Protein backbone atom coordinates (compact mmCIF):
# COMPACT_ATOMS: atom_id res chain seq x y z
CA MET A 1 25.38 6.18 -9.27
CA LYS A 2 22.76 4.60 -7.02
CA LYS A 3 20.38 7.60 -6.67
CA TYR A 4 17.35 8.23 -8.68
CA ASN A 5 15.37 11.45 -9.16
CA PHE A 6 11.67 10.56 -8.96
CA ALA A 7 10.65 14.23 -9.71
CA LEU A 8 12.81 14.20 -12.86
CA ILE A 9 11.07 11.09 -14.10
CA TYR A 10 7.82 12.94 -13.87
CA PHE A 11 9.22 15.92 -15.77
CA ILE A 12 10.47 13.70 -18.55
CA VAL A 13 7.15 11.72 -18.73
CA LEU A 14 5.06 14.88 -18.87
CA SER A 15 7.28 17.05 -21.02
CA LEU A 16 8.76 14.84 -23.79
CA SER A 17 6.28 12.95 -25.97
CA LEU A 18 8.93 10.51 -27.30
CA ILE A 19 10.13 9.58 -23.87
CA VAL A 20 6.46 9.32 -22.78
CA THR A 21 5.82 6.71 -25.48
CA SER A 22 8.92 4.87 -24.44
CA ILE A 23 7.93 4.86 -20.82
CA PHE A 24 4.34 3.79 -21.52
CA ALA A 25 5.78 0.68 -23.30
CA GLN A 26 7.44 -0.43 -20.14
CA THR A 27 4.42 -0.22 -17.87
CA ASN A 28 1.93 -2.93 -17.08
CA LEU A 29 -0.79 -1.21 -15.17
CA THR A 30 -4.10 -3.07 -15.05
CA ASN A 31 -6.11 0.04 -15.70
CA PRO A 32 -5.97 0.83 -19.41
CA ASN A 33 -6.69 4.48 -18.68
CA ALA A 34 -4.04 4.93 -15.95
CA SER A 35 -2.73 8.39 -15.53
CA LYS A 36 0.65 9.48 -16.89
CA GLU A 37 1.78 10.03 -13.34
CA ALA A 38 0.70 6.50 -12.27
CA LYS A 39 2.56 5.07 -15.24
CA ALA A 40 5.68 7.08 -14.39
CA LEU A 41 5.66 5.94 -10.81
CA LEU A 42 5.32 2.26 -11.78
CA THR A 43 8.19 2.78 -14.25
CA TYR A 44 10.36 4.26 -11.58
CA LEU A 45 9.61 1.35 -9.20
CA ASN A 46 10.44 -1.18 -12.00
CA SER A 47 13.79 0.69 -12.65
CA ILE A 48 14.96 0.14 -9.02
CA SER A 49 13.55 -3.35 -8.50
CA GLY A 50 16.27 -5.78 -7.46
CA LYS A 51 18.78 -2.91 -7.16
CA TYR A 52 17.37 -0.67 -4.37
CA ILE A 53 14.59 -0.62 -1.89
CA LEU A 54 12.60 2.53 -0.88
CA SER A 55 12.26 3.27 2.84
CA GLY A 56 8.76 3.83 4.00
CA GLN A 57 6.83 4.88 7.15
CA HIS A 58 3.15 4.53 8.00
CA ASN A 59 1.59 7.30 10.09
CA TYR A 60 -1.76 7.17 12.04
CA ALA A 61 -4.29 9.40 10.58
CA THR A 62 -4.62 11.31 13.90
CA GLU A 63 -0.87 11.98 14.05
CA LEU A 64 0.01 12.50 10.45
CA ASN A 65 3.68 13.13 10.80
CA ARG A 66 4.74 11.74 14.22
CA SER A 67 6.19 8.49 12.95
CA THR A 68 7.84 9.92 9.79
CA ASP A 69 9.32 12.66 11.97
CA SER A 70 10.68 10.04 14.34
CA VAL A 71 12.53 8.42 11.52
CA LYS A 72 14.14 11.72 10.84
CA SER A 73 15.07 12.15 14.53
CA ILE A 74 16.65 8.78 14.70
CA THR A 75 18.46 8.55 11.32
CA GLY A 76 18.76 12.17 10.22
CA LYS A 77 16.86 11.21 7.03
CA TYR A 78 13.22 11.17 6.09
CA PRO A 79 11.82 7.99 4.44
CA ALA A 80 11.08 8.06 0.74
CA MET A 81 7.46 6.94 1.22
CA TRP A 82 4.78 8.34 3.36
CA GLY A 83 1.81 6.11 4.26
CA CYS A 84 -1.57 6.56 5.97
CA ASP A 85 -5.07 5.23 6.25
CA MET A 86 -8.45 6.39 4.99
CA GLU A 87 -10.09 5.08 8.22
CA GLY A 88 -9.30 6.23 11.71
CA LEU A 89 -7.73 3.56 13.90
CA ILE A 90 -7.09 5.59 17.17
CA SER A 91 -8.83 8.59 18.64
CA ASP A 92 -11.43 8.33 15.92
CA SER A 93 -13.12 11.53 17.19
CA SER A 94 -10.26 13.53 15.84
CA PHE A 95 -9.98 11.72 12.57
CA THR A 96 -11.06 13.31 9.33
CA ARG A 97 -10.50 11.99 5.86
CA GLN A 98 -9.92 15.56 4.61
CA ASN A 99 -6.98 15.96 7.00
CA VAL A 100 -5.44 12.83 5.44
CA ILE A 101 -5.91 14.27 1.87
CA ASP A 102 -4.48 17.58 2.78
CA GLU A 103 -1.38 15.92 4.24
CA VAL A 104 -0.95 13.67 1.18
CA ILE A 105 -0.80 16.87 -0.91
CA ARG A 106 1.75 18.34 1.31
CA GLN A 107 3.90 15.19 1.46
CA TYR A 108 3.71 14.75 -2.29
CA GLU A 109 4.88 18.37 -2.77
CA LYS A 110 7.87 17.54 -0.62
CA GLY A 111 8.66 14.73 -2.99
CA SER A 112 7.33 11.71 -1.03
CA ILE A 113 5.94 8.69 -2.76
CA ILE A 114 2.44 8.09 -1.29
CA THR A 115 0.81 4.85 -0.11
CA ILE A 116 -2.77 4.82 1.25
CA MET A 117 -4.65 1.92 2.82
CA TYR A 118 -8.23 1.47 3.80
CA HIS A 119 -9.38 -0.30 7.07
CA GLN A 120 -13.01 -0.27 6.10
CA VAL A 121 -15.46 -0.99 8.83
CA LYS A 122 -18.16 -3.56 8.13
CA PRO A 123 -20.56 -2.27 5.46
CA PHE A 124 -23.63 -2.33 7.83
CA ASP A 125 -21.78 -0.44 10.57
CA ASP A 126 -21.22 3.19 11.08
CA ASP A 127 -17.66 4.44 10.41
CA THR A 128 -17.47 5.85 13.96
CA LEU A 129 -17.26 2.28 15.38
CA GLY A 130 -13.65 2.17 14.14
CA PHE A 131 -11.05 -0.59 14.13
CA ARG A 132 -11.57 -2.75 17.22
CA ARG A 133 -15.39 -2.67 17.16
CA SER A 134 -16.00 -3.14 13.45
CA VAL A 135 -12.91 -3.78 11.20
CA LYS A 136 -11.88 -6.62 13.37
CA GLY A 137 -14.26 -9.60 13.78
CA ARG A 138 -16.04 -11.96 11.47
CA VAL A 139 -19.27 -11.56 9.58
CA THR A 140 -21.56 -14.53 9.12
CA ASP A 141 -21.75 -16.39 5.83
CA ASP A 142 -25.09 -14.94 5.13
CA GLU A 143 -23.90 -11.52 5.90
CA TRP A 144 -20.95 -12.06 3.52
CA LYS A 145 -23.14 -13.31 0.71
CA LYS A 146 -25.38 -10.16 1.05
CA ILE A 147 -22.24 -7.85 1.10
CA VAL A 148 -20.87 -9.19 -2.19
CA THR A 149 -24.27 -9.72 -3.98
CA PRO A 150 -25.24 -6.73 -6.11
CA GLY A 151 -28.58 -5.06 -5.22
CA THR A 152 -28.82 -6.27 -1.61
CA GLU A 153 -29.12 -3.82 1.24
CA TYR A 154 -25.61 -4.75 2.53
CA ASN A 155 -24.13 -4.45 -0.94
CA ASN A 156 -25.67 -1.03 -1.23
CA MET A 157 -24.16 -0.11 2.10
CA LEU A 158 -20.70 -1.21 0.81
CA ILE A 159 -20.97 0.81 -2.30
CA GLU A 160 -22.02 3.84 -0.30
CA LYS A 161 -18.93 3.55 1.88
CA LEU A 162 -16.64 3.01 -1.15
CA ASP A 163 -18.15 6.06 -2.94
CA SER A 164 -17.60 8.18 0.23
CA VAL A 165 -13.91 7.36 0.14
CA ALA A 166 -13.68 7.74 -3.65
CA ASN A 167 -14.89 11.35 -3.41
CA TYR A 168 -11.87 12.15 -1.29
CA LEU A 169 -9.46 10.27 -3.58
CA LYS A 170 -10.72 12.33 -6.49
CA GLN A 171 -9.13 15.34 -5.02
CA LEU A 172 -5.79 13.53 -5.37
CA ARG A 173 -6.73 12.41 -9.02
CA ASP A 174 -7.46 15.98 -9.95
CA LYS A 175 -4.16 17.18 -8.60
CA LYS A 176 -2.35 14.39 -10.61
CA ILE A 177 -0.93 12.67 -7.53
CA PRO A 178 -0.32 8.93 -8.09
CA ILE A 179 -1.24 6.73 -5.17
CA LEU A 180 -0.12 3.23 -4.24
CA TRP A 181 -3.62 2.06 -3.19
CA ARG A 182 -3.66 -0.79 -0.58
CA PRO A 183 -7.31 -1.54 0.36
CA TYR A 184 -8.55 -4.69 2.32
CA HIS A 185 -4.95 -5.76 3.40
CA GLU A 186 -4.19 -8.99 5.24
CA MET A 187 -7.18 -10.68 3.69
CA ASN A 188 -5.61 -14.09 4.11
CA GLY A 189 -5.69 -13.69 8.01
CA MET A 190 -8.52 -14.61 10.25
CA TRP A 191 -8.83 -11.21 12.11
CA PHE A 192 -10.70 -8.77 9.83
CA TRP A 193 -14.31 -9.06 8.69
CA TYR A 194 -13.21 -9.65 5.08
CA GLY A 195 -10.53 -12.13 6.02
CA ASP A 196 -10.23 -15.86 5.33
CA ARG A 197 -12.78 -15.87 2.59
CA LYS A 198 -11.47 -18.29 -0.04
CA GLY A 199 -12.67 -18.95 -3.54
CA GLU A 200 -14.32 -16.94 -6.24
CA ASP A 201 -17.24 -15.87 -4.07
CA GLY A 202 -14.90 -14.98 -1.20
CA PHE A 203 -12.50 -12.12 -1.05
CA VAL A 204 -11.74 -12.15 -4.69
CA LYS A 205 -15.29 -11.01 -5.28
CA LEU A 206 -14.92 -8.16 -2.86
CA TRP A 207 -11.71 -7.05 -4.44
CA LYS A 208 -13.19 -7.01 -7.93
CA ILE A 209 -16.15 -4.95 -6.57
CA ILE A 210 -13.90 -2.15 -5.35
CA TYR A 211 -11.68 -2.36 -8.43
CA GLU A 212 -14.51 -2.12 -10.86
CA ARG A 213 -16.24 0.66 -8.82
CA TYR A 214 -13.05 2.85 -8.66
CA VAL A 215 -11.60 2.08 -12.05
CA HIS A 216 -14.69 2.13 -14.23
CA HIS A 217 -17.24 4.20 -12.32
CA HIS A 218 -15.21 6.77 -10.42
CA LYS A 219 -12.37 6.71 -13.00
CA LEU A 220 -9.61 7.03 -10.25
CA ASN A 221 -6.93 6.56 -12.85
CA ASN A 222 -4.21 7.74 -10.48
CA LEU A 223 -4.41 4.58 -8.41
CA ILE A 224 -1.84 1.81 -8.63
CA TRP A 225 -3.51 -1.30 -7.08
CA VAL A 226 -1.52 -3.00 -4.37
CA TRP A 227 -2.78 -6.39 -3.24
CA ASN A 228 -1.44 -7.04 0.28
CA PRO A 229 -1.85 -10.36 2.25
CA ASN A 230 -0.05 -11.12 5.44
CA ALA A 231 3.04 -13.31 5.32
CA PRO A 232 1.57 -16.89 5.56
CA ARG A 233 1.73 -18.37 9.06
CA TYR A 234 0.09 -21.23 10.99
CA TRP A 235 0.16 -19.84 14.51
CA LYS A 236 -2.75 -21.10 16.66
CA ASP A 237 -5.71 -18.80 16.51
CA ASP A 238 -3.65 -16.29 14.45
CA GLU A 239 -3.40 -18.07 11.09
CA ALA A 240 -2.71 -16.39 7.80
CA TYR A 241 -3.25 -18.76 4.83
CA ASP A 242 -1.28 -19.17 1.63
CA TYR A 243 -1.19 -16.16 -0.77
CA HIS A 244 -2.68 -17.80 -3.84
CA LEU A 245 -5.87 -18.65 -2.17
CA PHE A 246 -6.91 -15.05 -2.13
CA TYR A 247 -5.35 -13.70 -5.28
CA PRO A 248 -7.88 -11.92 -7.57
CA GLY A 249 -5.75 -12.36 -10.75
CA ASP A 250 -3.21 -10.44 -12.74
CA ASP A 251 -5.93 -8.36 -14.39
CA TYR A 252 -6.86 -6.75 -11.11
CA VAL A 253 -3.45 -6.28 -9.33
CA ASP A 254 -0.48 -4.08 -10.10
CA ILE A 255 1.82 -4.82 -7.22
CA LEU A 256 1.91 -7.64 -4.63
CA ALA A 257 2.95 -6.81 -1.19
CA THR A 258 3.17 -8.80 2.15
CA ASP A 259 2.95 -7.82 5.74
CA ILE A 260 5.66 -9.19 8.03
CA TYR A 261 5.44 -8.85 11.77
CA LYS A 262 7.31 -10.39 14.77
CA ASN A 263 10.54 -10.51 12.71
CA ASP A 264 9.20 -13.41 10.68
CA TYR A 265 11.31 -12.78 7.53
CA LYS A 266 11.22 -16.17 6.11
CA GLN A 267 12.75 -16.52 2.56
CA SER A 268 9.52 -18.25 1.48
CA HIS A 269 7.52 -15.14 2.24
CA HIS A 270 9.54 -13.36 -0.37
CA ASP A 271 9.99 -16.18 -2.89
CA ASP A 272 6.39 -17.42 -2.90
CA LEU A 273 5.19 -13.84 -3.46
CA ILE A 274 7.52 -13.44 -6.51
CA LYS A 275 6.30 -16.71 -7.97
CA LEU A 276 2.72 -15.56 -7.59
CA ALA A 277 3.54 -12.13 -8.96
CA ASN A 278 4.68 -13.56 -12.30
CA GLY A 279 6.81 -10.55 -13.21
CA LYS A 280 4.92 -7.96 -11.24
CA LEU A 281 6.62 -5.96 -8.47
CA VAL A 282 6.72 -7.06 -4.83
CA ALA A 283 6.98 -5.13 -1.62
CA ILE A 284 6.80 -5.23 2.21
CA GLY A 285 3.39 -3.56 2.75
CA GLU A 286 3.87 -3.37 6.49
CA CYS A 287 6.36 -4.58 9.08
CA GLY A 288 6.98 -4.19 12.78
CA ILE A 289 10.57 -5.03 13.34
CA LEU A 290 12.47 -3.62 10.36
CA PRO A 291 14.40 -5.83 8.01
CA THR A 292 18.20 -5.87 8.35
CA PRO A 293 20.54 -5.21 5.44
CA GLU A 294 21.49 -8.91 5.69
CA ILE A 295 17.84 -9.84 5.13
CA LEU A 296 17.38 -7.49 2.21
CA LYS A 297 20.48 -8.95 0.52
CA GLU A 298 18.77 -12.30 0.40
CA GLN A 299 15.22 -10.96 -0.17
CA SER A 300 16.32 -8.49 -2.82
CA LYS A 301 13.14 -8.17 -4.90
CA PHE A 302 11.15 -6.17 -2.38
CA VAL A 303 10.90 -2.69 -3.81
CA TRP A 304 9.86 -0.90 -0.54
CA PHE A 305 9.31 -1.60 3.08
CA MET A 306 6.77 0.33 5.22
CA ASP A 307 7.19 0.29 9.03
CA TRP A 308 3.89 0.48 10.85
CA ALA A 309 3.01 3.66 12.88
CA ARG A 310 5.01 4.10 16.07
CA PHE A 311 6.86 0.85 15.56
CA VAL A 312 10.04 2.68 14.53
CA TRP A 313 10.62 3.39 18.28
CA GLU A 314 8.34 0.95 19.92
CA GLU A 315 9.75 -2.27 18.30
CA ASN A 316 13.18 -1.23 16.86
CA GLU A 317 16.52 -0.33 18.36
CA PRO A 318 17.79 3.06 17.20
CA LYS A 319 21.21 1.72 16.14
CA LYS A 320 19.50 -0.94 13.95
CA VAL A 321 17.26 1.75 12.33
CA ARG A 322 20.20 3.85 11.59
CA ALA A 323 22.10 0.82 10.12
CA LEU A 324 19.07 0.13 7.84
CA TYR A 325 18.74 3.66 6.73
CA ASN A 326 22.47 3.87 5.97
CA TYR A 327 22.47 0.64 3.96
CA GLU A 328 23.59 1.54 0.44
CA LYS A 329 20.57 -0.06 -1.25
CA VAL A 330 17.92 1.82 0.91
CA LEU A 331 16.69 4.97 -0.70
CA THR A 332 15.49 7.89 1.40
CA LEU A 333 13.58 11.03 0.49
CA ASP A 334 16.57 13.24 -0.30
CA GLU A 335 18.02 10.45 -2.42
CA ILE A 336 15.06 9.97 -4.74
CA ASN A 337 14.85 13.74 -5.37
CA ARG A 338 18.41 14.94 -5.46
CA THR A 339 20.44 13.13 -7.94
CA PRO A 340 19.83 12.71 -11.62
CA ILE A 341 19.07 9.38 -13.15
CA LYS A 342 22.07 7.51 -14.60
């Protein structure tokens, strides 16, 4: 049978020590102290890789269910994965991180697999400046150096912001909720303050800062680290450079994902990511126009897709959304929770 019971995997992992030992041997999380729940989630994802793909839907942090509920209205099914952001992108005055955390808990209790991203504003800016005024836009070379150099004023500001978010994520750790954690995405593009910084003193250094801070200082052992560039493109004034130029290394990444917009589903975007992943899982971290079943037959190693907030109705025809959600290899919420593993 094609269906898998994610909740049952958790029960087995948490209840039967012999099976726990077996499952642990199959995992490859970079954090040696990763939680049982995080290991179980990675094991589940590995078990479906190349066979099925999880459906996913991102939601704006100020409308926590609107996009997911729209999938249900269009297809009659809920996506298997629920996604959101730890930074407000629209209507920031109504955004609170606690609202996001509370919804994560609710969605997890429904059986959803959770993925969270972080559109961090520039370290020296106030969070209320939001996406357009602070996440987007470059920093100078001097500002960058100060951000990634320990002990500087800007680095201290960076750590302060990271610590603030970590304190919310600890609520999820303490409730034993595993999170596909996807910070600083699209770093190979030229549009975010941390983007297009090549080399060991570039983005790689920033990634290692957040990884070390969260894994070793805050002990957020429920996080699965998803490194998520944009699909490479050489569009004038909108470039996204090759994956490998920004990869922090196998010791700092659990899953590799790519963002694909404007229906740009080149086979190379899939194949080059697999090559770099070297056996790790790959996924579509974000998309606008959804992939078709025909695309997924050729790009079969993606273990999930996550449509961006509102795009399910703004960029996609309802009949094509239904065709995707009815594709036999796409798993929805009821399918990952209903049928025992075979």
